[in-house]
Amino acid sequence: LLVFVDTTNAITPPPKGISGKKNTLKNDIINARKIVIGVDGGTESIRACCFDAETGEVVRDSSFACPYETYHPHPGWAEQYPKDWWDGLGKAVRGCLRLAKLKEGK
């Protein structure tokens, strides 16, 4: 699973009525960094990592793993709960954004 994060969403124009400073919003958007979040779900955890969309390099050692339980109700059986995957996905993505020093939701 890959998630594309456009950091231009974090850039907002100045409020109406504010003048005196040249609006550099256009330049900020052009220079904004594009990030791709890679996600991998395995048998023990779900992991997320931020990559620079242009170079493919990992952003600031941003790999983050969120473990979840595997239950064995009977011999030879293994069960996991999809809610644990879903909750782990959110934690892993928020964790990798925090490690990359990017603001979530921005």
C-alpha atoms as a PDB file:
ATOM      1  CA  LEU A   1       0.000   0.000   0.000  1.00  0.00           C
ATOM      2  CA  LEU A   2       1.391   3.403  -0.937  1.00  0.00           C
ATOM      3  CA  VAL A   3       0.004   6.681   0.318  1.00  0.00           C
ATOM      4  CA  PHE A   4       0.912   9.937  -1.436  1.00  0.00           C
ATOM      5  CA  VAL A   5       1.257  12.963   0.839  1.00  0.00           C
ATOM      6  CA  ASP A   6       1.286  16.357  -0.838  1.00  0.00           C
ATOM      7  CA  THR A   7       2.934  18.747   1.610  1.00  0.00           C
ATOM      8  CA  THR A   8       1.535  21.737  -0.270  1.00  0.00           C
ATOM      9  CA  ASN A   9      -1.637  21.254   1.785  1.00  0.00           C
ATOM     10  CA  ALA A  10       0.300  22.587   4.775  1.00  0.00           C
ATOM     11  CA  ILE A  11       0.831  25.906   3.010  1.00  0.00           C
ATOM     12  CA  THR A  12      -1.933  28.437   3.434  1.00  0.00           C
ATOM     13  CA  PRO A  13      -2.202  31.973   2.123  1.00  0.00           C
ATOM     14  CA  PRO A  14      -2.180  34.873   4.585  1.00  0.00           C
ATOM     15  CA  PRO A  15      -5.576  35.955   5.940  1.00  0.00           C
ATOM     16  CA  LYS A  16      -7.517  38.533   3.919  1.00  0.00           C
ATOM     17  CA  GLY A  17      -6.705  42.106   4.730  1.00  0.00           C
ATOM     18  CA  ILE A  18      -3.049  41.488   5.592  1.00  0.00           C
ATOM     19  CA  SER A  19      -0.745  43.464   3.352  1.00  0.00           C
ATOM     20  CA  GLY A  20       2.782  44.779   3.340  1.00  0.00           C
ATOM     21  CA  LYS A  21       4.470  41.407   2.758  1.00  0.00           C
ATOM     22  CA  LYS A  22       4.893  39.926  -0.668  1.00  0.00           C
ATOM     23  CA  ASN A  23       2.803  36.748  -0.957  1.00  0.00           C
ATOM     24  CA  THR A  24       5.241  33.915  -1.651  1.00  0.00           C
ATOM     25  CA  LEU A  25       2.581  31.185  -1.679  1.00  0.00           C
ATOM     26  CA  LYS A  26       3.241  30.323  -5.328  1.00  0.00           C
ATOM     27  CA  ASN A  27       6.966  29.847  -4.671  1.00  0.00           C
ATOM     28  CA  ASP A  28       6.257  27.818  -1.523  1.00  0.00           C
ATOM     29  CA  ILE A  29       3.984  25.461  -3.476  1.00  0.00           C
ATOM     30  CA  ILE A  30       6.554  25.002  -6.220  1.00  0.00           C
ATOM     31  CA  ASN A  31       9.260  24.188  -3.638  1.00  0.00           C
ATOM     32  CA  ALA A  32       7.104  21.941  -1.404  1.00  0.00           C
ATOM     33  CA  ARG A  33       8.398  18.439  -0.780  1.00  0.00           C
ATOM     34  CA  LYS A  34       6.373  15.494  -2.063  1.00  0.00           C
ATOM     35  CA  ILE A  35       6.305  12.431   0.197  1.00  0.00           C
ATOM     36  CA  VAL A  36       5.227   8.837  -0.428  1.00  0.00           C
ATOM     37  CA  ILE A  37       4.338   6.657   2.553  1.00  0.00           C
ATOM     38  CA  GLY A  38       5.019   2.964   2.050  1.00  0.00           C
ATOM     39  CA  VAL A  39       3.023   0.554   4.222  1.00  0.00           C
ATOM     40  CA  ASP A  40       3.666  -3.163   4.768  1.00  0.00           C
ATOM     41  CA  GLY A  41       1.429  -5.444   6.813  1.00  0.00           C
ATOM     42  CA  GLY A  42       2.920  -8.704   7.993  1.00  0.00           C
ATOM     43  CA  THR A  43       2.097 -11.485  10.415  1.00  0.00           C
ATOM     44  CA  GLU A  44       3.404  -9.638  13.469  1.00  0.00           C
ATOM     45  CA  SER A  45       3.110  -5.912  12.703  1.00  0.00           C
ATOM     46  CA  ILE A  46       2.251  -3.213  10.230  1.00  0.00           C
ATOM     47  CA  ARG A  47       5.032  -0.842   9.203  1.00  0.00           C
ATOM     48  CA  ALA A  48       5.075   2.564   7.541  1.00  0.00           C
ATOM     49  CA  CYS A  49       7.937   4.667   6.206  1.00  0.00           C
ATOM     50  CA  CYS A  50       8.179   8.085   4.510  1.00  0.00           C
ATOM     51  CA  PHE A  51      10.063   8.364   1.221  1.00  0.00           C
ATOM     52  CA  ASP A  52      10.966  11.395  -0.861  1.00  0.00           C
ATOM     53  CA  ALA A  53       8.740  11.090  -3.959  1.00  0.00           C
ATOM     54  CA  GLU A  54      11.429  12.392  -6.298  1.00  0.00           C
ATOM     55  CA  THR A  55      14.554  10.601  -5.030  1.00  0.00           C
ATOM     56  CA  GLY A  56      13.030   7.523  -3.375  1.00  0.00           C
ATOM     57  CA  GLU A  57      15.226   8.077  -0.315  1.00  0.00           C
ATOM     58  CA  VAL A  58      13.931   7.425   3.198  1.00  0.00           C
ATOM     59  CA  VAL A  59      13.064  10.676   4.968  1.00  0.00           C
ATOM     60  CA  ARG A  60      14.926  11.003   8.297  1.00  0.00           C
ATOM     61  CA  ASP A  61      14.887   7.319   9.299  1.00  0.00           C
ATOM     62  CA  SER A  62      11.082   7.468   9.465  1.00  0.00           C
ATOM     63  CA  SER A  63      10.321   3.737   9.598  1.00  0.00           C
ATOM     64  CA  PHE A  64       7.724   2.950  12.278  1.00  0.00           C
ATOM     65  CA  ALA A  65       6.214  -0.438  13.215  1.00  0.00           C
ATOM     66  CA  CYS A  66       3.055  -1.156  15.170  1.00  0.00           C
ATOM     67  CA  PRO A  67       2.767  -4.767  16.373  1.00  0.00           C
ATOM     68  CA  TYR A  68      -0.506  -6.654  16.752  1.00  0.00           C
ATOM     69  CA  GLU A  69      -1.483  -9.979  18.276  1.00  0.00           C
ATOM     70  CA  THR A  70      -1.946 -13.308  16.578  1.00  0.00           C
ATOM     71  CA  TYR A  71      -4.333 -15.550  18.499  1.00  0.00           C
ATOM     72  CA  HIS A  72      -4.224 -19.358  18.497  1.00  0.00           C
ATOM     73  CA  PRO A  73      -7.670 -20.559  19.646  1.00  0.00           C
ATOM     74  CA  HIS A  74      -6.951 -24.178  18.628  1.00  0.00           C
ATOM     75  CA  PRO A  75      -3.836 -26.110  17.667  1.00  0.00           C
ATOM     76  CA  GLY A  76      -2.863 -25.240  14.094  1.00  0.00           C
ATOM     77  CA  TRP A  77      -5.174 -22.184  13.994  1.00  0.00           C
ATOM     78  CA  ALA A  78      -4.008 -18.580  13.798  1.00  0.00           C
ATOM     79  CA  GLU A  79      -6.358 -15.586  13.924  1.00  0.00           C
ATOM     80  CA  GLN A  80      -5.956 -11.833  13.744  1.00  0.00           C
ATOM     81  CA  TYR A  81      -8.546  -9.114  14.020  1.00  0.00           C
ATOM     82  CA  PRO A  82      -8.918  -6.640  11.126  1.00  0.00           C
ATOM     83  CA  LYS A  83      -9.613  -3.866  13.651  1.00  0.00           C
ATOM     84  CA  ASP A  84      -6.073  -4.406  14.984  1.00  0.00           C
ATOM     85  CA  TRP A  85      -4.734  -3.989  11.430  1.00  0.00           C
ATOM     86  CA  TRP A  86      -6.764  -0.799  10.932  1.00  0.00           C
ATOM     87  CA  ASP A  87      -5.720   0.693  14.288  1.00  0.00           C
ATOM     88  CA  GLY A  88      -2.103  -0.310  13.623  1.00  0.00           C
ATOM     89  CA  LEU A  89      -2.203   1.360  10.192  1.00  0.00           C
ATOM     90  CA  GLY A  90      -3.195   4.688  11.735  1.00  0.00           C
ATOM     91  CA  LYS A  91      -0.545   4.414  14.456  1.00  0.00           C
ATOM     92  CA  ALA A  92       2.166   3.403  11.977  1.00  0.00           C
ATOM     93  CA  VAL A  93       1.409   6.262   9.558  1.00  0.00           C
ATOM     94  CA  ARG A  94       1.231   8.834  12.366  1.00  0.00           C
ATOM     95  CA  GLY A  95       4.468   7.414  13.807  1.00  0.00           C
ATOM     96  CA  CYS A  96       6.397   7.636  10.540  1.00  0.00           C
ATOM     97  CA  LEU A  97       5.136  11.196   9.951  1.00  0.00           C
ATOM     98  CA  ARG A  98       6.292  12.141  13.457  1.00  0.00           C
ATOM     99  CA  LEU A  99       9.739  10.587  12.873  1.00  0.00           C
ATOM    100  CA  ALA A 100       9.999  12.374   9.506  1.00  0.00           C
ATOM    101  CA  LYS A 101       9.063  15.583  11.335  1.00  0.00           C
ATOM    102  CA  LEU A 102       6.021  16.166   9.120  1.00  0.00           C
ATOM    103  CA  LYS A 103       2.700  17.276  10.544  1.00  0.00           C
ATOM    104  CA  GLU A 104      -0.120  14.770  10.123  1.00  0.00           C
ATOM    105  CA  GLY A 105      -3.183  16.056   8.295  1.00  0.00           C
ATOM    106  CA  LYS A 106      -1.098  18.763   6.638  1.00  0.00           C
END
